[in-house]
Amino acid sequence: MDTPHTQQSLTAATAQFERQLTDLTAYAPTPAIRALYQELARAWAQYRSVLSQPPTPERSKEVLALSELTLKIAQQGVDALEKHSASHSGHLVNLAGRQRMLSQRMAKLYHAQTLGIADSNSAAQIAQDRQEFTNALTTLDQVPNASEKITAGLRLIGPQWMFFNNALDKPAHNDPKASTTVATTSERIFEQLDALTGEFAKLGAQAQPKPPAKVPAKP
């Protein structure tokens, strides 16, 4: 494992998560949504505390549990924001954003199985996530009026998802290359979907009706 690179990625991801959490809490349009992000901040504080300690088998299991709790609350916040916006574009942004999460969770659970720290539900969760990812990718691929960047981005994800999906069928102890494939393709898929989430947000902004031009008052 590339430990320096892994630590660098963890540090960058931690900083990005905290910046976005601060922004979302400040943006929260209702007290109920703000309360969700405050709850998320408390869960994240526990999660980060464990992440900052040297890894052990027991701490690794705790990391898995806290990551799922943090994810659950974060998804509740995203769903609440989507419901508040009540727009088709909001749904697409949520869908693309959730795809990012699914790619990371499948990789996380796969490696947890490899390390022998996954719980008994991990295989079923991976299977569920694979099906959801496939269905959502089809939905995103059929979005009308998609920009060239969205179309090109989805075209790049397709082959990566094929390699990733195939590798998930191969236990790492039988095929060591599968573990590397899961790690690298999940990161590429995440990066591409992160860019696409922004493109879907732009698509929604372009679809918003422009305010009527002001008519000058008569002198």
Protein backbone atom coordinates (compact mmCIF):
# COMPACT_ATOMS: atom_id res chain seq x y z
CA MET A 1 0.00 0.00 0.00
CA ASP A 2 1.26 3.49 -0.84
CA THR A 3 1.12 4.82 2.72
CA PRO A 4 2.30 8.42 2.01
CA HIS A 5 -0.20 8.70 -0.86
CA THR A 6 -2.96 7.20 1.30
CA GLN A 7 -2.29 9.65 4.13
CA GLN A 8 -2.21 12.54 1.68
CA SER A 9 -5.56 11.47 0.22
CA LEU A 10 -7.06 11.11 3.70
CA THR A 11 -5.86 14.57 4.72
CA ALA A 12 -7.26 16.15 1.55
CA ALA A 13 -10.59 14.32 1.88
CA THR A 14 -10.90 15.36 5.54
CA ALA A 15 -10.33 19.01 4.69
CA GLN A 16 -12.80 18.89 1.80
CA PHE A 17 -15.47 17.21 3.95
CA GLU A 18 -15.13 19.84 6.66
CA ARG A 19 -15.26 22.74 4.19
CA GLN A 20 -18.40 21.37 2.59
CA LEU A 21 -20.01 20.62 5.95
CA THR A 22 -19.39 24.22 7.03
CA ASP A 23 -20.87 25.53 3.78
CA LEU A 24 -23.94 23.27 3.98
CA THR A 25 -24.63 24.19 7.60
CA ALA A 26 -24.41 27.88 6.75
CA TYR A 27 -26.60 27.44 3.67
CA ALA A 28 -29.28 25.29 5.38
CA PRO A 29 -32.57 26.94 4.35
CA THR A 30 -34.70 25.64 7.26
CA PRO A 31 -34.12 24.95 10.97
CA ALA A 32 -34.83 21.24 10.40
CA ILE A 33 -32.15 20.96 7.70
CA ARG A 34 -29.70 22.94 9.81
CA ALA A 35 -30.34 20.53 12.69
CA LEU A 36 -29.50 17.61 10.40
CA TYR A 37 -26.14 19.13 9.53
CA GLN A 38 -25.44 19.87 13.17
CA GLU A 39 -26.13 16.19 13.89
CA LEU A 40 -23.80 15.30 11.03
CA ALA A 41 -21.08 17.47 12.58
CA ARG A 42 -21.37 15.53 15.84
CA ALA A 43 -21.13 12.18 14.04
CA TRP A 44 -18.17 13.46 12.02
CA ALA A 45 -16.36 14.53 15.20
CA GLN A 46 -16.51 10.93 16.48
CA TYR A 47 -15.51 9.56 13.08
CA ARG A 48 -12.54 11.89 12.71
CA SER A 49 -11.34 11.12 16.24
CA VAL A 50 -11.05 7.42 15.41
CA LEU A 51 -9.48 8.14 12.01
CA SER A 52 -6.74 10.17 13.70
CA GLN A 53 -5.60 7.19 15.80
CA PRO A 54 -3.23 4.41 14.66
CA PRO A 55 -5.16 1.66 12.88
CA THR A 56 -5.97 -1.58 14.69
CA PRO A 57 -8.48 -4.32 13.81
CA GLU A 58 -10.92 -3.04 16.44
CA ARG A 59 -10.54 0.60 15.36
CA SER A 60 -11.00 -0.47 11.74
CA LYS A 61 -14.36 -1.99 12.64
CA GLU A 62 -15.25 1.22 14.48
CA VAL A 63 -14.29 3.26 11.42
CA LEU A 64 -16.64 1.16 9.30
CA ALA A 65 -19.52 1.64 11.74
CA LEU A 66 -18.96 5.40 12.09
CA SER A 67 -18.57 5.83 8.32
CA GLU A 68 -22.00 4.25 7.82
CA LEU A 69 -23.56 6.46 10.51
CA THR A 70 -22.01 9.57 8.96
CA LEU A 71 -23.18 8.50 5.53
CA LYS A 72 -26.74 7.89 6.75
CA ILE A 73 -27.06 11.38 8.24
CA ALA A 74 -25.37 13.01 5.23
CA GLN A 75 -27.85 11.32 2.89
CA GLN A 76 -30.75 12.55 5.03
CA GLY A 77 -29.42 16.07 4.62
CA VAL A 78 -29.07 15.70 0.86
CA ASP A 79 -32.60 14.27 0.56
CA ALA A 80 -33.99 17.14 2.65
CA LEU A 81 -32.27 19.70 0.43
CA GLU A 82 -33.58 17.97 -2.71
CA LYS A 83 -37.12 17.95 -1.30
CA HIS A 84 -36.81 21.61 -0.37
CA SER A 85 -35.65 22.57 -3.86
CA ALA A 86 -38.44 20.47 -5.46
CA SER A 87 -36.69 20.52 -8.85
CA HIS A 88 -35.72 17.88 -11.39
CA SER A 89 -32.19 19.25 -11.52
CA GLY A 90 -31.92 18.87 -7.75
CA HIS A 91 -32.78 15.21 -8.14
CA LEU A 92 -30.09 14.73 -10.80
CA VAL A 93 -27.46 16.42 -8.65
CA ASN A 94 -28.45 14.17 -5.75
CA LEU A 95 -28.36 11.09 -7.99
CA ALA A 96 -24.92 11.87 -9.40
CA GLY A 97 -23.64 12.74 -5.93
CA ARG A 98 -24.96 9.49 -4.51
CA GLN A 99 -23.16 7.60 -7.28
CA ARG A 100 -19.90 9.01 -5.94
CA MET A 101 -20.74 7.63 -2.52
CA LEU A 102 -21.72 4.21 -3.86
CA SER A 103 -18.40 3.82 -5.68
CA GLN A 104 -16.55 4.56 -2.45
CA ARG A 105 -18.73 2.35 -0.25
CA MET A 106 -18.40 -0.66 -2.55
CA ALA A 107 -14.61 -0.28 -2.52
CA LYS A 108 -14.60 0.21 1.25
CA LEU A 109 -16.66 -2.91 1.93
CA TYR A 110 -14.65 -4.98 -0.58
CA HIS A 111 -11.40 -4.11 1.19
CA ALA A 112 -13.04 -4.65 4.59
CA GLN A 113 -13.90 -8.17 3.46
CA THR A 114 -10.30 -8.67 2.32
CA LEU A 115 -9.03 -7.59 5.75
CA GLY A 116 -11.57 -9.77 7.57
CA ILE A 117 -13.23 -6.87 9.39
CA ALA A 118 -16.49 -6.65 7.41
CA ASP A 119 -19.75 -7.59 9.08
CA SER A 120 -22.18 -10.24 7.83
CA ASN A 121 -24.22 -7.70 5.85
CA SER A 122 -21.34 -6.45 3.69
CA ALA A 123 -21.86 -8.85 0.76
CA ALA A 124 -25.57 -8.02 0.57
CA GLN A 125 -24.80 -4.29 0.77
CA ILE A 126 -22.28 -4.52 -2.08
CA ALA A 127 -24.81 -6.41 -4.21
CA GLN A 128 -27.47 -3.78 -3.49
CA ASP A 129 -25.08 -0.93 -4.24
CA ARG A 130 -24.00 -2.52 -7.53
CA GLN A 131 -27.59 -2.76 -8.71
CA GLU A 132 -28.40 0.79 -7.61
CA PHE A 133 -25.27 2.14 -9.31
CA THR A 134 -26.13 0.37 -12.58
CA ASN A 135 -29.73 1.64 -12.53
CA ALA A 136 -28.72 5.20 -11.72
CA LEU A 137 -26.04 5.23 -14.42
CA THR A 138 -28.73 4.29 -16.95
CA THR A 139 -30.97 7.09 -15.66
CA LEU A 140 -28.20 9.69 -15.92
CA ASP A 141 -27.30 8.46 -19.40
CA GLN A 142 -30.86 9.18 -20.56
CA VAL A 143 -31.12 12.75 -19.26
CA PRO A 144 -32.51 14.98 -22.04
CA ASN A 145 -30.60 18.09 -23.06
CA ALA A 146 -27.40 16.85 -21.42
CA SER A 147 -24.36 18.96 -22.18
CA GLU A 148 -21.38 17.65 -24.14
CA LYS A 149 -19.36 17.51 -20.92
CA ILE A 150 -22.01 15.34 -19.26
CA THR A 151 -22.22 13.01 -22.24
CA ALA A 152 -18.43 12.72 -22.48
CA GLY A 153 -18.10 12.18 -18.72
CA LEU A 154 -20.65 9.38 -18.67
CA ARG A 155 -18.90 7.78 -21.63
CA LEU A 156 -15.67 7.70 -19.61
CA ILE A 157 -17.35 6.16 -16.57
CA GLY A 158 -18.79 3.21 -18.51
CA PRO A 159 -15.53 1.27 -19.06
CA GLN A 160 -14.26 2.08 -15.56
CA TRP A 161 -17.48 0.73 -14.06
CA MET A 162 -17.12 -2.44 -16.14
CA PHE A 163 -13.60 -3.08 -14.75
CA PHE A 164 -14.70 -2.16 -11.22
CA ASN A 165 -17.82 -4.30 -11.36
CA ASN A 166 -15.89 -7.33 -12.66
CA ALA A 167 -13.20 -6.95 -9.99
CA LEU A 168 -15.83 -6.99 -7.23
CA ASP A 169 -16.59 -10.60 -8.21
CA LYS A 170 -12.99 -11.68 -7.52
CA PRO A 171 -11.90 -12.18 -3.89
CA ALA A 172 -8.54 -10.50 -3.36
CA HIS A 173 -6.96 -13.65 -1.89
CA ASN A 174 -7.67 -15.43 -5.20
CA ASP A 175 -6.74 -12.54 -7.46
CA PRO A 176 -4.48 -9.89 -5.87
CA LYS A 177 -4.83 -7.69 -8.95
CA ALA A 178 -8.56 -7.36 -8.22
CA SER A 179 -7.83 -5.39 -5.04
CA THR A 180 -5.71 -2.89 -6.98
CA THR A 181 -8.37 -2.64 -9.70
CA VAL A 182 -11.08 -1.93 -7.12
CA ALA A 183 -8.95 0.78 -5.52
CA THR A 184 -7.91 2.55 -8.73
CA THR A 185 -11.19 2.33 -10.66
CA SER A 186 -13.29 3.44 -7.69
CA GLU A 187 -11.13 6.56 -7.41
CA ARG A 188 -11.40 7.32 -11.12
CA ILE A 189 -15.16 6.85 -11.04
CA PHE A 190 -15.40 9.12 -7.99
CA GLU A 191 -13.38 11.87 -9.66
CA GLN A 192 -15.43 11.72 -12.84
CA LEU A 193 -18.74 11.71 -10.97
CA ASP A 194 -17.57 14.59 -8.80
CA ALA A 195 -17.08 16.63 -11.96
CA LEU A 196 -20.42 15.45 -13.37
CA THR A 197 -22.27 16.47 -10.22
CA GLY A 198 -21.12 20.02 -10.86
CA GLU A 199 -22.16 19.78 -14.50
CA PHE A 200 -25.66 18.64 -13.53
CA ALA A 201 -25.86 21.59 -11.14
CA LYS A 202 -24.93 23.91 -14.04
CA LEU A 203 -27.57 22.24 -16.22
CA GLY A 204 -30.18 22.96 -13.57
CA ALA A 205 -29.07 26.58 -13.25
CA GLN A 206 -29.35 27.06 -17.02
CA ALA A 207 -32.88 25.65 -16.95
CA GLN A 208 -34.05 28.20 -14.39
CA PRO A 209 -36.38 30.80 -15.96
CA LYS A 210 -34.83 34.21 -16.26
CA PRO A 211 -36.58 37.05 -14.42
CA PRO A 212 -38.58 39.36 -16.69
CA ALA A 213 -36.82 42.47 -17.84
CA LYS A 214 -37.79 45.57 -15.94
CA VAL A 215 -39.84 48.04 -17.94
CA PRO A 216 -38.62 51.58 -17.42
CA ALA A 217 -41.15 53.79 -15.72
CA LYS A 218 -42.65 56.50 -17.89
CA PRO A 219 -41.19 59.92 -17.26
